[in-house]
Amino acid sequence: MEFVFSNFMIVSSPDVAKAIVKGPIPSKIKCVTLDGDIHDPSGILTGGYVDKNNMILTRYEDFKNL
């Protein structure tokens, strides 16, 4: 598990990620939320908008239903 996740921790929400990264005892662990946002201790936040209408599986499901 340590090899796979190295210095990442998967958390349930952005609030939990902020508490870990910016808490009273700062950590060097990057937190990834279930939505895919990455909170980095260096202050970088990545993630963003995903167009769910343009996802390949959604389009395949629509095609299959036709």
PDB file of N, CA and C in Angstrom:
ATOM      1  N   MET A   1       0.829  -1.193   0.000  1.00  0.00           N
ATOM      2  CA  MET A   1       0.000   0.000   0.000  1.00  0.00           C
ATOM      3  C   MET A   1       0.871   1.253   0.000  1.00  0.00           C
ATOM      4  N   GLU A   2       1.947   1.221   0.768  1.00  0.00           N
ATOM      5  CA  GLU A   2       2.813   2.400   0.826  1.00  0.00           C
ATOM      6  C   GLU A   2       3.442   2.668  -0.534  1.00  0.00           C
ATOM      7  N   PHE A   3       3.788   1.608  -1.260  1.00  0.00           N
ATOM      8  CA  PHE A   3       4.371   1.784  -2.592  1.00  0.00           C
ATOM      9  C   PHE A   3       3.367   2.403  -3.550  1.00  0.00           C
ATOM     10  N   VAL A   4       2.117   1.972  -3.478  1.00  0.00           N
ATOM     11  CA  VAL A   4       1.090   2.461  -4.397  1.00  0.00           C
ATOM     12  C   VAL A   4       0.729   3.911  -4.113  1.00  0.00           C
ATOM     13  N   PHE A   5       0.498   4.250  -2.860  1.00  0.00           N
ATOM     14  CA  PHE A   5       0.013   5.578  -2.513  1.00  0.00           C
ATOM     15  C   PHE A   5       1.118   6.555  -2.115  1.00  0.00           C
ATOM     16  N   SER A   6       2.319   6.083  -1.838  1.00  0.00           N
ATOM     17  CA  SER A   6       3.492   6.850  -1.407  1.00  0.00           C
ATOM     18  C   SER A   6       3.101   7.985  -0.461  1.00  0.00           C
ATOM     19  N   ASN A   7       3.037   9.223  -0.913  1.00  0.00           N
ATOM     20  CA  ASN A   7       2.722  10.327  -0.001  1.00  0.00           C
ATOM     21  C   ASN A   7       1.354  10.937  -0.290  1.00  0.00           C
ATOM     22  N   PHE A   8       0.386  10.116  -0.688  1.00  0.00           N
ATOM     23  CA  PHE A   8      -0.984  10.555  -0.935  1.00  0.00           C
ATOM     24  C   PHE A   8      -1.920   9.927   0.079  1.00  0.00           C
ATOM     25  N   MET A   9      -2.970  10.665   0.423  1.00  0.00           N
ATOM     26  CA  MET A   9      -4.005  10.143   1.290  1.00  0.00           C
ATOM     27  C   MET A   9      -5.348  10.442   0.642  1.00  0.00           C
ATOM     28  N   ILE A  10      -6.218   9.466   0.564  1.00  0.00           N
ATOM     29  CA  ILE A  10      -7.547   9.651  -0.009  1.00  0.00           C
ATOM     30  C   ILE A  10      -8.493  10.024   1.119  1.00  0.00           C
ATOM     31  N   VAL A  11      -9.208  11.145   0.935  1.00  0.00           N
ATOM     32  CA  VAL A  11     -10.112  11.641   1.972  1.00  0.00           C
ATOM     33  C   VAL A  11     -11.504  11.852   1.379  1.00  0.00           C
ATOM     34  N   SER A  12     -12.474  11.998   2.259  1.00  0.00           N
ATOM     35  CA  SER A  12     -13.869  12.066   1.810  1.00  0.00           C
ATOM     36  C   SER A  12     -14.313  13.434   1.318  1.00  0.00           C
ATOM     37  N   SER A  13     -13.706  14.507   1.804  1.00  0.00           N
ATOM     38  CA  SER A  13     -14.187  15.832   1.430  1.00  0.00           C
ATOM     39  C   SER A  13     -13.044  16.843   1.409  1.00  0.00           C
ATOM     40  N   PRO A  14     -13.266  17.984   0.753  1.00  0.00           N
ATOM     41  CA  PRO A  14     -12.249  19.033   0.741  1.00  0.00           C
ATOM     42  C   PRO A  14     -11.948  19.588   2.136  1.00  0.00           C
ATOM     43  N   ASP A  15     -12.955  19.598   3.013  1.00  0.00           N
ATOM     44  CA  ASP A  15     -12.741  20.100   4.372  1.00  0.00           C
ATOM     45  C   ASP A  15     -11.743  19.225   5.137  1.00  0.00           C
ATOM     46  N   VAL A  16     -11.862  17.922   4.966  1.00  0.00           N
ATOM     47  CA  VAL A  16     -10.931  17.002   5.621  1.00  0.00           C
ATOM     48  C   VAL A  16      -9.531  17.187   5.044  1.00  0.00           C
ATOM     49  N   ALA A  17      -9.446  17.356   3.728  1.00  0.00           N
ATOM     50  CA  ALA A  17      -8.145  17.564   3.077  1.00  0.00           C
ATOM     51  C   ALA A  17      -7.479  18.831   3.588  1.00  0.00           C
ATOM     52  N   LYS A  18      -8.246  19.910   3.707  1.00  0.00           N
ATOM     53  CA  LYS A  18      -7.685  21.171   4.224  1.00  0.00           C
ATOM     54  C   LYS A  18      -7.208  21.009   5.660  1.00  0.00           C
ATOM     55  N   ALA A  19      -7.967  20.271   6.459  1.00  0.00           N
ATOM     56  CA  ALA A  19      -7.591  20.071   7.856  1.00  0.00           C
ATOM     57  C   ALA A  19      -6.282  19.296   7.972  1.00  0.00           C
ATOM     58  N   ILE A  20      -6.063  18.352   7.081  1.00  0.00           N
ATOM     59  CA  ILE A  20      -4.826  17.564   7.124  1.00  0.00           C
ATOM     60  C   ILE A  20      -3.655  18.372   6.600  1.00  0.00           C
ATOM     61  N   VAL A  21      -3.848  19.029   5.462  1.00  0.00           N
ATOM     62  CA  VAL A  21      -2.741  19.746   4.820  1.00  0.00           C
ATOM     63  C   VAL A  21      -2.372  21.013   5.577  1.00  0.00           C
ATOM     64  N   LYS A  22      -3.352  21.755   6.042  1.00  0.00           N
ATOM     65  CA  LYS A  22      -3.101  23.046   6.699  1.00  0.00           C
ATOM     66  C   LYS A  22      -3.343  23.006   8.198  1.00  0.00           C
ATOM     67  N   GLY A  23      -3.348  21.827   8.789  1.00  0.00           N
ATOM     68  CA  GLY A  23      -3.654  21.682  10.204  1.00  0.00           C
ATOM     69  C   GLY A  23      -2.576  22.233  11.118  1.00  0.00           C
ATOM     70  N   PRO A  24      -2.759  22.074  12.424  1.00  0.00           N
ATOM     71  CA  PRO A  24      -1.799  22.597  13.397  1.00  0.00           C
ATOM     72  C   PRO A  24      -0.426  21.936  13.269  1.00  0.00           C
ATOM     73  N   ILE A  25      -0.405  20.683  12.836  1.00  0.00           N
ATOM     74  CA  ILE A  25       0.857  19.991  12.571  1.00  0.00           C
ATOM     75  C   ILE A  25       0.910  19.746  11.069  1.00  0.00           C
ATOM     76  N   PRO A  26       1.546  20.653  10.317  1.00  0.00           N
ATOM     77  CA  PRO A  26       1.564  20.507   8.859  1.00  0.00           C
ATOM     78  C   PRO A  26       2.214  19.184   8.441  1.00  0.00           C
ATOM     79  N   SER A  27       1.637  18.565   7.438  1.00  0.00           N
ATOM     80  CA  SER A  27       2.160  17.300   6.951  1.00  0.00           C
ATOM     81  C   SER A  27       2.703  17.471   5.539  1.00  0.00           C
ATOM     82  N   LYS A  28       3.458  16.501   5.091  1.00  0.00           N
ATOM     83  CA  LYS A  28       3.987  16.500   3.733  1.00  0.00           C
ATOM     84  C   LYS A  28       3.149  15.607   2.822  1.00  0.00           C
ATOM     85  N   ILE A  29       1.989  15.213   3.309  1.00  0.00           N
ATOM     86  CA  ILE A  29       1.124  14.304   2.569  1.00  0.00           C
ATOM     87  C   ILE A  29       0.177  15.102   1.680  1.00  0.00           C
ATOM     88  N   LYS A  30       0.061  14.691   0.421  1.00  0.00           N
ATOM     89  CA  LYS A  30      -0.920  15.278  -0.484  1.00  0.00           C
ATOM     90  C   LYS A  30      -2.226  14.533  -0.285  1.00  0.00           C
ATOM     91  N   CYS A  31      -3.328  15.277  -0.251  1.00  0.00           N
ATOM     92  CA  CYS A  31      -4.645  14.670  -0.056  1.00  0.00           C
ATOM     93  C   CYS A  31      -5.436  14.724  -1.353  1.00  0.00           C
ATOM     94  N   VAL A  32      -6.103  13.625  -1.669  1.00  0.00           N
ATOM     95  CA  VAL A  32      -6.953  13.531  -2.847  1.00  0.00           C
ATOM     96  C   VAL A  32      -8.368  13.259  -2.365  1.00  0.00           C
ATOM     97  N   THR A  33      -9.316  14.111  -2.787  1.00  0.00           N
ATOM     98  CA  THR A  33     -10.712  13.900  -2.395  1.00  0.00           C
ATOM     99  C   THR A  33     -11.355  12.856  -3.308  1.00  0.00           C
ATOM    100  N   LEU A  34     -12.527  12.390  -2.935  1.00  0.00           N
ATOM    101  CA  LEU A  34     -13.245  11.413  -3.755  1.00  0.00           C
ATOM    102  C   LEU A  34     -13.672  12.005  -5.095  1.00  0.00           C
ATOM    103  N   ASP A  35     -13.753  13.338  -5.172  1.00  0.00           N
ATOM    104  CA  ASP A  35     -14.084  14.009  -6.427  1.00  0.00           C
ATOM    105  C   ASP A  35     -12.868  14.178  -7.327  1.00  0.00           C
ATOM    106  N   GLY A  36     -11.673  13.898  -6.795  1.00  0.00           N
ATOM    107  CA  GLY A  36     -10.464  13.994  -7.596  1.00  0.00           C
ATOM    108  C   GLY A  36      -9.650  15.257  -7.407  1.00  0.00           C
ATOM    109  N   ASP A  37     -10.067  16.132  -6.498  1.00  0.00           N
ATOM    110  CA  ASP A  37      -9.291  17.339  -6.222  1.00  0.00           C
ATOM    111  C   ASP A  37      -8.064  16.961  -5.397  1.00  0.00           C
ATOM    112  N   ILE A  38      -6.916  17.542  -5.738  1.00  0.00           N
ATOM    113  CA  ILE A  38      -5.675  17.258  -5.030  1.00  0.00           C
ATOM    114  C   ILE A  38      -5.279  18.491  -4.225  1.00  0.00           C
ATOM    115  N   HIS A  39      -5.114  18.302  -2.926  1.00  0.00           N
ATOM    116  CA  HIS A  39      -4.661  19.371  -2.031  1.00  0.00           C
ATOM    117  C   HIS A  39      -3.206  19.074  -1.676  1.00  0.00           C
ATOM    118  N   ASP A  40      -2.326  19.990  -2.048  1.00  0.00           N
ATOM    119  CA  ASP A  40      -0.890  19.818  -1.861  1.00  0.00           C
ATOM    120  C   ASP A  40      -0.418  20.733  -0.729  1.00  0.00           C
ATOM    121  N   PRO A  41       0.459  20.256   0.156  1.00  0.00           N
ATOM    122  CA  PRO A  41       0.950  21.107   1.248  1.00  0.00           C
ATOM    123  C   PRO A  41       1.686  22.357   0.765  1.00  0.00           C
ATOM    124  N   SER A  42       2.180  22.349  -0.459  1.00  0.00           N
ATOM    125  CA  SER A  42       2.883  23.526  -0.963  1.00  0.00           C
ATOM    126  C   SER A  42       1.926  24.640  -1.365  1.00  0.00           C
ATOM    127  N   GLY A  43       0.613  24.374  -1.281  1.00  0.00           N
ATOM    128  CA  GLY A  43      -0.373  25.412  -1.568  1.00  0.00           C
ATOM    129  C   GLY A  43      -1.054  25.257  -2.913  1.00  0.00           C
ATOM    130  N   ILE A  44      -0.750  24.201  -3.636  1.00  0.00           N
ATOM    131  CA  ILE A  44      -1.341  23.989  -4.950  1.00  0.00           C
ATOM    132  C   ILE A  44      -2.609  23.158  -4.806  1.00  0.00           C
ATOM    133  N   LEU A  45      -3.677  23.611  -5.436  1.00  0.00           N
ATOM    134  CA  LEU A  45      -4.935  22.888  -5.468  1.00  0.00           C
ATOM    135  C   LEU A  45      -5.246  22.599  -6.919  1.00  0.00           C
ATOM    136  N   THR A  46      -5.420  21.336  -7.256  1.00  0.00           N
ATOM    137  CA  THR A  46      -5.758  20.982  -8.628  1.00  0.00           C
ATOM    138  C   THR A  46      -7.108  20.294  -8.646  1.00  0.00           C
ATOM    139  N   GLY A  47      -7.737  20.339  -9.774  1.00  0.00           N
ATOM    140  CA  GLY A  47      -9.060  19.767  -9.945  1.00  0.00           C
ATOM    141  C   GLY A  47      -9.852  20.717 -10.795  1.00  0.00           C
ATOM    142  N   GLY A  48     -11.125  20.518 -10.870  1.00  0.00           N
ATOM    143  CA  GLY A  48     -11.910  21.461 -11.620  1.00  0.00           C
ATOM    144  C   GLY A  48     -13.148  20.849 -12.215  1.00  0.00           C
ATOM    145  N   TYR A  49     -13.698  21.552 -13.179  1.00  0.00           N
ATOM    146  CA  TYR A  49     -14.961  21.203 -13.798  1.00  0.00           C
ATOM    147  C   TYR A  49     -14.795  20.031 -14.759  1.00  0.00           C
ATOM    148  N   VAL A  50     -15.709  19.100 -14.703  1.00  0.00           N
ATOM    149  CA  VAL A  50     -15.738  17.983 -15.635  1.00  0.00           C
ATOM    150  C   VAL A  50     -17.066  18.041 -16.371  1.00  0.00           C
ATOM    151  N   ASP A  51     -16.998  18.094 -17.695  1.00  0.00           N
ATOM    152  CA  ASP A  51     -18.209  18.125 -18.514  1.00  0.00           C
ATOM    153  C   ASP A  51     -18.771  16.713 -18.599  1.00  0.00           C
ATOM    154  N   LYS A  52     -19.806  16.432 -17.803  1.00  0.00           N
ATOM    155  CA  LYS A  52     -20.357  15.084 -17.746  1.00  0.00           C
ATOM    156  C   LYS A  52     -21.121  14.707 -19.005  1.00  0.00           C
ATOM    157  N   ASN A  53     -21.484  15.679 -19.834  1.00  0.00           N
ATOM    158  CA  ASN A  53     -22.173  15.368 -21.081  1.00  0.00           C
ATOM    159  C   ASN A  53     -21.214  14.876 -22.152  1.00  0.00           C
ATOM    160  N   ASN A  54     -19.920  15.117 -21.973  1.00  0.00           N
ATOM    161  CA  ASN A  54     -18.942  14.754 -22.980  1.00  0.00           C
ATOM    162  C   ASN A  54     -18.100  13.557 -22.554  1.00  0.00           C
ATOM    163  N   MET A  55     -18.525  12.829 -21.541  1.00  0.00           N
ATOM    164  CA  MET A  55     -17.776  11.666 -21.090  1.00  0.00           C
ATOM    165  C   MET A  55     -18.079  10.492 -22.013  1.00  0.00           C
ATOM    166  N   ILE A  56     -17.076   9.693 -22.314  1.00  0.00           N
ATOM    167  CA  ILE A  56     -17.215   8.617 -23.287  1.00  0.00           C
ATOM    168  C   ILE A  56     -18.229   7.567 -22.848  1.00  0.00           C
ATOM    169  N   LEU A  57     -18.273   7.229 -21.557  1.00  0.00           N
ATOM    170  CA  LEU A  57     -19.225   6.218 -21.104  1.00  0.00           C
ATOM    171  C   LEU A  57     -20.660   6.727 -21.166  1.00  0.00           C
ATOM    172  N   THR A  58     -20.874   7.995 -20.896  1.00  0.00           N
ATOM    173  CA  THR A  58     -22.200   8.579 -21.007  1.00  0.00           C
ATOM    174  C   THR A  58     -22.658   8.569 -22.464  1.00  0.00           C
ATOM    175  N   ARG A  59     -21.758   8.923 -23.342  1.00  0.00           N
ATOM    176  CA  ARG A  59     -22.101   8.935 -24.769  1.00  0.00           C
ATOM    177  C   ARG A  59     -22.354   7.525 -25.269  1.00  0.00           C
ATOM    178  N   TYR A  60     -21.595   6.546 -24.788  1.00  0.00           N
ATOM    179  CA  TYR A  60     -21.812   5.151 -25.178  1.00  0.00           C
ATOM    180  C   TYR A  60     -23.171   4.660 -24.695  1.00  0.00           C
ATOM    181  N   GLU A  61     -23.536   5.025 -23.475  1.00  0.00           N
ATOM    182  CA  GLU A  61     -24.846   4.622 -22.927  1.00  0.00           C
ATOM    183  C   GLU A  61     -25.975   5.214 -23.773  1.00  0.00           C
ATOM    184  N   ASP A  62     -25.841   6.473 -24.166  1.00  0.00           N
ATOM    185  CA  ASP A  62     -26.853   7.093 -25.025  1.00  0.00           C
ATOM    186  C   ASP A  62     -26.944   6.382 -26.369  1.00  0.00           C
ATOM    187  N   PHE A  63     -25.790   6.046 -26.925  1.00  0.00           N
ATOM    188  CA  PHE A  63     -25.759   5.342 -28.210  1.00  0.00           C
ATOM    189  C   PHE A  63     -26.393   3.967 -28.081  1.00  0.00           C
ATOM    190  N   LYS A  64     -26.107   3.267 -26.992  1.00  0.00           N
ATOM    191  CA  LYS A  64     -26.666   1.943 -26.769  1.00  0.00           C
ATOM    192  C   LYS A  64     -28.187   1.999 -26.620  1.00  0.00           C
ATOM    193  N   ASN A  65     -28.684   3.058 -25.969  1.00  0.00           N
ATOM    194  CA  ASN A  65     -30.124   3.199 -25.778  1.00  0.00           C
ATOM    195  C   ASN A  65     -30.852   3.504 -27.082  1.00  0.00           C
ATOM    196  N   LEU A  66     -30.165   4.127 -28.033  1.00  0.00           N
ATOM    197  CA  LEU A  66     -30.791   4.396 -29.323  1.00  0.00           C
ATOM    198  C   LEU A  66     -31.004   3.120 -30.076  1.00  0.00           C
TER     199      LEU A  66
END
